[in-house]
Amino acid sequence: MPDGFIVTVIKSFALVNMVMLVFALMTWIERRLIGRFQVRYGPNRVGPGGVLQPIADLGKLLRKESIIPAGSSPVLYLAAPAVSLFASLAVFGVIPFGEQATIPFTDWKIFLYIADVNVALLLIFALGSFSFYGFLVGGWASSSKYSLYGSMRAVAQLVSYEVALTMAVIGVVMMSQSLSLIGIVQAQERDGIWYIVPQFAGFVIYLLASTAEVSRIPFDLPEAEGELVAGYHTEYGGMRWAMYQNAEFVATIAFSALASILFLGGYDGPFLPGPVWMLLKMALFLFLMIWIRSTLPRVRYDRLMIIGWKVLLPAATLNLLVTAAVVVWVD
């Protein structure tokens, strides 16, 4: 077995476990922050400051009864959450947290990413489109009209906002002239400026569209309890429900990592090591998403589609045209 394959497997295993650990910590951090924003307590009973609350939640979910609804398609019903979680985790295969690092007490060098793909952005959006199948198939296979309505609304929302999201990113691609994430970071080092400055409009569009892509408040209409019971995962419980929630939050972390690379220079920064800068920038983006969730109310579904097609899409198109004109003029 080639050594490169073994190293890739080890790095993948370590990365997935790190992402899962960050996911568990972020569930606690988010609930504590929302408590502060809304002048109330967050989880504070289990462990120091409630930090062991994610472990308690995991124990509760593991003990819940595992059932398969009558009339459902068992194979698809069980596979759908795994598909969504796999697509969210696979994105981190092309996310660079640095270029190279030396293993302590050795002279060995290790790349701080799994793969540097020349078309990494295309791969990320392809994986995002693949995750749609998890929502759609999960709702259809549940043999419930409420789940089916929720899955249709989820796919309609995700497809709508992915258009604006993609166009917001194209401006960065035009400035960096690269689809490689490492190439985009190096382009910002070359130009001496983080792209959030010339692409601030694109960043705002990306922030709003990515919030809708991961179905977070104020765009959590696929899970609107008052209208759909619980959306596409109405018939899911226990760890199967947790896999959907896990996929949603892991996708949020992935979008924060992508935003850090596209607009904030990724692992580029003075004094501190590259991975530290990357994590700090991701934390900033995650904080903005939590702030939005704790502040804004849920929008109506017709307003949701209006924002996507009549506000964000024209704004992204205008930003793209201006960027194209400036790039041509500078060259």
Protein backbone atom coordinates (compact mmCIF):
# COMPACT_ATOMS: atom_id res chain seq x y z
CA MET A 1 0.00 0.00 0.00
CA PRO A 2 1.54 3.39 -1.00
CA ASP A 3 2.75 5.61 1.84
CA GLY A 4 0.85 8.58 0.37
CA PHE A 5 -2.43 6.71 0.66
CA ILE A 6 -1.76 5.83 4.31
CA VAL A 7 -0.90 9.44 5.14
CA THR A 8 -4.08 10.64 3.41
CA VAL A 9 -6.20 8.16 5.39
CA ILE A 10 -4.61 9.26 8.68
CA LYS A 11 -5.06 12.94 7.85
CA SER A 12 -8.68 12.35 6.82
CA PHE A 13 -9.44 10.45 10.03
CA ALA A 14 -7.84 13.17 12.16
CA LEU A 15 -9.61 15.96 10.24
CA VAL A 16 -13.06 14.37 10.53
CA ASN A 17 -12.61 13.90 14.27
CA MET A 18 -11.42 17.50 14.68
CA VAL A 19 -14.44 18.77 12.75
CA MET A 20 -16.76 16.68 14.93
CA LEU A 21 -15.08 18.05 18.06
CA VAL A 22 -15.48 21.62 16.80
CA PHE A 23 -19.13 20.85 15.98
CA ALA A 24 -19.76 19.63 19.54
CA LEU A 25 -18.08 22.68 21.07
CA MET A 26 -19.90 25.06 18.73
CA THR A 27 -23.31 23.73 19.80
CA TRP A 28 -22.43 24.77 23.36
CA ILE A 29 -20.83 28.07 22.32
CA GLU A 30 -23.82 28.98 20.16
CA ARG A 31 -26.34 28.32 22.92
CA ARG A 32 -24.26 30.31 25.41
CA LEU A 33 -23.86 33.23 23.00
CA ILE A 34 -27.56 33.29 22.13
CA GLY A 35 -28.31 33.31 25.85
CA ARG A 36 -26.07 36.36 26.25
CA PHE A 37 -27.60 38.11 23.25
CA GLN A 38 -31.12 37.52 24.58
CA VAL A 39 -30.25 38.29 28.24
CA ARG A 40 -30.83 34.80 29.61
CA TYR A 41 -28.82 31.77 30.67
CA GLY A 42 -27.59 29.22 28.24
CA PRO A 43 -26.68 25.65 29.24
CA ASN A 44 -24.84 25.92 32.57
CA ARG A 45 -25.67 22.76 34.56
CA VAL A 46 -23.65 19.92 33.04
CA GLY A 47 -19.94 20.40 33.71
CA PRO A 48 -18.12 23.70 34.30
CA GLY A 49 -20.21 26.39 32.64
CA GLY A 50 -22.29 23.70 30.93
CA VAL A 51 -19.40 22.67 28.66
CA LEU A 52 -20.37 18.98 28.91
CA GLN A 53 -23.89 19.65 27.61
CA PRO A 54 -23.07 18.25 24.12
CA ILE A 55 -22.09 14.93 25.73
CA ALA A 56 -25.35 14.87 27.68
CA ASP A 57 -27.28 15.59 24.47
CA LEU A 58 -25.46 12.74 22.72
CA GLY A 59 -26.38 10.34 25.52
CA LYS A 60 -30.01 11.39 25.29
CA LEU A 61 -30.12 10.90 21.52
CA LEU A 62 -28.46 7.48 21.74
CA ARG A 63 -31.13 6.31 24.20
CA LYS A 64 -34.06 7.35 22.03
CA GLU A 65 -36.09 4.63 20.35
CA SER A 66 -35.07 3.89 16.78
CA ILE A 67 -38.08 3.31 14.51
CA ILE A 68 -38.76 3.17 10.78
CA PRO A 69 -42.17 4.60 9.73
CA ALA A 70 -44.68 2.21 8.19
CA GLY A 71 -44.85 2.56 4.41
CA SER A 72 -41.41 4.15 4.13
CA SER A 73 -38.54 3.01 1.94
CA PRO A 74 -36.16 1.61 4.60
CA VAL A 75 -32.92 1.74 2.60
CA LEU A 76 -33.39 5.30 1.38
CA TYR A 77 -34.82 6.39 4.74
CA LEU A 78 -31.65 5.22 6.50
CA ALA A 79 -29.22 6.40 3.82
CA ALA A 80 -30.51 9.96 3.40
CA PRO A 81 -29.01 11.47 6.61
CA ALA A 82 -25.69 9.76 5.90
CA VAL A 83 -25.59 11.30 2.41
CA SER A 84 -26.06 14.82 3.78
CA LEU A 85 -23.44 14.32 6.50
CA PHE A 86 -20.94 12.81 4.03
CA ALA A 87 -21.32 15.74 1.62
CA SER A 88 -20.74 18.27 4.44
CA LEU A 89 -17.65 16.47 5.74
CA ALA A 90 -16.16 15.83 2.28
CA VAL A 91 -15.80 19.59 1.69
CA PHE A 92 -12.97 19.69 4.23
CA GLY A 93 -10.92 17.45 1.97
CA VAL A 94 -9.93 20.51 -0.10
CA ILE A 95 -9.88 23.16 2.67
CA PRO A 96 -6.28 24.28 3.37
CA PHE A 97 -5.44 25.25 6.96
CA GLY A 98 -1.89 26.13 6.01
CA GLU A 99 0.81 25.15 3.54
CA GLN A 100 3.37 23.12 5.48
CA ALA A 101 4.18 22.36 9.11
CA THR A 102 7.00 20.50 10.85
CA ILE A 103 6.04 17.61 13.11
CA PRO A 104 7.43 18.33 16.63
CA PHE A 105 10.74 16.60 17.54
CA THR A 106 11.25 15.48 13.93
CA ASP A 107 12.35 16.92 10.59
CA TRP A 108 9.22 15.66 8.84
CA LYS A 109 7.12 18.10 6.88
CA ILE A 110 3.38 17.66 6.49
CA PHE A 111 0.92 19.51 4.28
CA LEU A 112 -1.92 21.09 6.27
CA TYR A 113 -4.53 20.01 3.74
CA ILE A 114 -5.61 16.71 2.25
CA ALA A 115 -5.67 17.70 -1.43
CA ASP A 116 -4.90 20.82 -3.47
CA VAL A 117 -7.39 20.49 -6.30
CA ASN A 118 -7.11 22.93 -9.23
CA VAL A 119 -10.91 23.19 -9.36
CA ALA A 120 -11.55 23.06 -5.60
CA LEU A 121 -14.36 25.63 -5.75
CA LEU A 122 -16.22 23.61 -8.37
CA LEU A 123 -15.81 20.49 -6.24
CA ILE A 124 -17.20 22.27 -3.17
CA PHE A 125 -20.30 23.46 -4.99
CA ALA A 126 -20.76 20.01 -6.53
CA LEU A 127 -20.71 18.47 -3.04
CA GLY A 128 -23.18 21.12 -1.91
CA SER A 129 -25.52 20.10 -4.71
CA PHE A 130 -25.05 16.44 -3.76
CA SER A 131 -26.28 17.18 -0.22
CA PHE A 132 -29.66 18.21 -1.70
CA TYR A 133 -30.36 14.54 -2.33
CA GLY A 134 -30.16 13.83 1.38
CA PHE A 135 -32.93 16.32 2.12
CA LEU A 136 -35.10 15.40 -0.85
CA VAL A 137 -34.78 11.63 -0.51
CA GLY A 138 -35.19 11.76 3.26
CA GLY A 139 -38.49 13.61 2.97
CA TRP A 140 -39.77 11.40 0.15
CA ALA A 141 -38.71 8.11 1.75
CA SER A 142 -40.42 8.97 5.06
CA SER A 143 -43.88 8.32 3.56
CA SER A 144 -45.23 11.53 5.13
CA LYS A 145 -46.78 14.45 3.31
CA TYR A 146 -45.33 16.88 5.86
CA SER A 147 -41.82 15.53 5.27
CA LEU A 148 -42.32 15.68 1.51
CA TYR A 149 -43.52 19.31 1.66
CA GLY A 150 -40.52 20.16 3.82
CA SER A 151 -38.05 18.49 1.49
CA MET A 152 -39.48 20.27 -1.57
CA ARG A 153 -39.25 23.62 0.19
CA ALA A 154 -35.72 22.84 1.33
CA VAL A 155 -34.53 22.02 -2.18
CA ALA A 156 -36.31 25.06 -3.67
CA GLN A 157 -34.60 27.31 -1.13
CA LEU A 158 -31.16 25.78 -1.52
CA VAL A 159 -31.25 25.89 -5.34
CA SER A 160 -32.45 29.50 -5.29
CA TYR A 161 -29.74 30.80 -2.97
CA GLU A 162 -26.96 28.71 -4.50
CA VAL A 163 -27.22 30.83 -7.66
CA ALA A 164 -26.50 34.07 -5.78
CA LEU A 165 -23.86 32.32 -3.67
CA THR A 166 -22.00 31.10 -6.75
CA MET A 167 -22.10 34.48 -8.46
CA ALA A 168 -20.78 36.19 -5.31
CA VAL A 169 -17.80 33.84 -5.38
CA ILE A 170 -17.06 34.38 -9.09
CA GLY A 171 -15.88 37.91 -8.33
CA VAL A 172 -13.12 36.49 -6.14
CA VAL A 173 -12.23 33.96 -8.86
CA MET A 174 -11.90 36.75 -11.42
CA MET A 175 -9.58 38.75 -9.17
CA SER A 176 -7.41 35.78 -8.17
CA GLN A 177 -7.63 34.05 -11.59
CA SER A 178 -7.69 30.69 -9.82
CA LEU A 179 -10.18 28.04 -8.74
CA SER A 180 -7.69 26.53 -6.30
CA LEU A 181 -8.21 27.59 -2.68
CA ILE A 182 -4.48 27.73 -2.07
CA GLY A 183 -4.17 29.76 -5.27
CA ILE A 184 -6.77 32.23 -3.98
CA VAL A 185 -4.87 32.67 -0.70
CA GLN A 186 -1.61 33.19 -2.60
CA ALA A 187 -3.31 35.71 -4.89
CA GLN A 188 -4.32 37.80 -1.87
CA GLU A 189 -0.74 37.64 -0.61
CA ARG A 190 0.42 38.73 -4.08
CA ASP A 191 -2.03 41.63 -4.31
CA GLY A 192 -1.31 42.72 -0.73
CA ILE A 193 -4.99 42.99 0.19
CA TRP A 194 -7.71 40.69 1.48
CA TYR A 195 -10.54 40.45 -1.00
CA ILE A 196 -13.15 41.48 1.57
CA VAL A 197 -12.11 45.07 0.79
CA PRO A 198 -12.74 45.16 -2.99
CA GLN A 199 -15.39 42.45 -2.73
CA PHE A 200 -17.31 43.69 0.33
CA ALA A 201 -20.61 43.51 -1.56
CA GLY A 202 -19.78 39.95 -2.55
CA PHE A 203 -18.98 39.13 1.08
CA VAL A 204 -22.36 40.42 2.28
CA ILE A 205 -24.14 38.42 -0.44
CA TYR A 206 -22.08 35.35 0.48
CA LEU A 207 -22.95 35.77 4.18
CA LEU A 208 -26.69 35.99 3.52
CA ALA A 209 -26.78 33.27 0.86
CA SER A 210 -24.69 30.83 2.90
CA THR A 211 -26.98 31.42 5.90
CA ALA A 212 -29.89 30.38 3.69
CA GLU A 213 -27.91 27.43 2.30
CA VAL A 214 -27.53 25.92 5.77
CA SER A 215 -31.16 26.74 6.68
CA ARG A 216 -30.38 28.92 9.68
CA ILE A 217 -32.56 31.68 11.09
CA PRO A 218 -33.88 33.89 9.53
CA PHE A 219 -33.92 31.48 6.56
CA ASP A 220 -34.85 28.25 8.35
CA LEU A 221 -38.12 27.76 6.43
CA PRO A 222 -37.38 24.07 5.62
CA GLU A 223 -37.73 23.44 9.37
CA ALA A 224 -40.49 25.94 10.19
CA GLU A 225 -42.30 24.14 13.01
CA GLY A 226 -45.45 26.23 12.82
CA GLU A 227 -45.99 25.44 9.14
CA LEU A 228 -44.36 22.05 8.50
CA VAL A 229 -44.25 20.30 11.91
CA ALA A 230 -40.47 19.91 11.50
CA GLY A 231 -39.82 19.85 7.77
CA TYR A 232 -38.02 17.13 5.84
CA HIS A 233 -36.89 15.35 9.04
CA THR A 234 -40.34 15.16 10.67
CA GLU A 235 -40.22 11.36 10.80
CA TYR A 236 -36.62 11.17 12.02
CA GLY A 237 -35.59 10.79 15.65
CA GLY A 238 -32.60 9.92 17.78
CA MET A 239 -29.25 9.66 16.04
CA ARG A 240 -30.81 9.80 12.55
CA TRP A 241 -32.23 13.22 13.36
CA ALA A 242 -28.88 14.15 14.93
CA MET A 243 -27.10 13.29 11.68
CA TYR A 244 -29.20 15.87 9.83
CA GLN A 245 -28.45 18.48 12.48
CA ASN A 246 -24.80 17.47 12.40
CA ALA A 247 -24.70 17.87 8.62
CA GLU A 248 -26.28 21.32 8.89
CA PHE A 249 -23.79 22.58 11.46
CA VAL A 250 -20.78 20.99 9.74
CA ALA A 251 -21.88 22.76 6.55
CA THR A 252 -21.95 26.01 8.54
CA ILE A 253 -18.36 25.39 9.65
CA ALA A 254 -17.38 24.55 6.06
CA PHE A 255 -18.92 27.79 4.75
CA SER A 256 -17.04 29.73 7.43
CA ALA A 257 -13.77 28.10 6.34
CA LEU A 258 -14.52 28.92 2.69
CA ALA A 259 -15.39 32.53 3.57
CA SER A 260 -12.10 32.85 5.46
CA ILE A 261 -10.18 31.73 2.38
CA LEU A 262 -12.14 33.71 -0.21
CA PHE A 263 -12.42 37.04 1.60
CA LEU A 264 -10.04 37.10 4.60
CA GLY A 265 -6.84 35.61 3.23
CA GLY A 266 -7.29 32.18 4.78
CA TYR A 267 -4.23 31.11 6.76
CA ASP A 268 -2.31 34.26 5.76
CA GLY A 269 -1.43 36.57 8.66
CA PRO A 270 1.50 37.99 10.65
CA PHE A 271 3.14 36.59 13.80
CA LEU A 272 0.78 33.69 14.50
CA PRO A 273 0.93 30.29 12.73
CA GLY A 274 -1.29 29.86 9.67
CA PRO A 275 -3.77 27.39 11.24
CA VAL A 276 -4.34 29.79 14.15
CA TRP A 277 -5.22 32.60 11.74
CA MET A 278 -7.52 30.26 9.85
CA LEU A 279 -9.40 29.26 13.01
CA LEU A 280 -9.69 32.87 14.19
CA LYS A 281 -11.20 33.98 10.87
CA MET A 282 -13.59 31.03 10.90
CA ALA A 283 -14.63 31.98 14.43
CA LEU A 284 -15.41 35.52 13.25
CA PHE A 285 -17.68 34.25 10.49
CA LEU A 286 -19.42 31.79 12.82
CA PHE A 287 -19.96 34.60 15.33
CA LEU A 288 -21.67 36.69 12.62
CA MET A 289 -24.02 33.80 11.77
CA ILE A 290 -24.88 33.26 15.45
CA TRP A 291 -25.45 37.00 15.86
CA ILE A 292 -27.85 37.00 12.92
CA ARG A 293 -29.69 33.97 14.31
CA SER A 294 -30.17 35.51 17.74
CA THR A 295 -31.31 38.90 16.38
CA LEU A 296 -33.58 38.47 13.35
CA PRO A 297 -36.99 36.77 13.17
CA ARG A 298 -37.87 34.14 10.58
CA VAL A 299 -39.00 35.60 7.24
CA ARG A 300 -42.13 34.52 5.39
CA TYR A 301 -41.61 31.99 2.59
CA ASP A 302 -42.64 34.35 -0.20
CA ARG A 303 -40.29 36.98 1.21
CA LEU A 304 -37.58 34.33 1.38
CA MET A 305 -37.84 33.66 -2.36
CA ILE A 306 -38.09 37.39 -3.14
CA ILE A 307 -34.84 38.05 -1.24
CA GLY A 308 -33.09 35.27 -3.15
CA TRP A 309 -34.28 36.04 -6.70
CA LYS A 310 -35.08 39.77 -6.64
CA VAL A 311 -32.49 41.14 -4.19
CA LEU A 312 -29.42 38.92 -3.86
CA LEU A 313 -29.29 37.69 -7.46
CA PRO A 314 -29.43 41.20 -9.06
CA ALA A 315 -26.94 42.47 -6.47
CA ALA A 316 -24.58 39.56 -7.21
CA THR A 317 -24.94 40.17 -10.97
CA LEU A 318 -24.14 43.87 -10.56
CA ASN A 319 -21.13 43.05 -8.38
CA LEU A 320 -19.94 40.58 -11.01
CA LEU A 321 -20.25 43.13 -13.83
CA VAL A 322 -18.40 45.83 -11.88
CA THR A 323 -15.67 43.35 -10.93
CA ALA A 324 -15.28 42.24 -14.55
CA ALA A 325 -14.99 45.85 -15.73
CA VAL A 326 -12.38 46.71 -13.09
CA VAL A 327 -10.33 43.57 -13.79
CA VAL A 328 -10.32 44.29 -17.54
CA TRP A 329 -9.44 47.94 -16.95
CA VAL A 330 -6.56 47.11 -14.58
CA ASP A 331 -5.13 44.47 -16.92
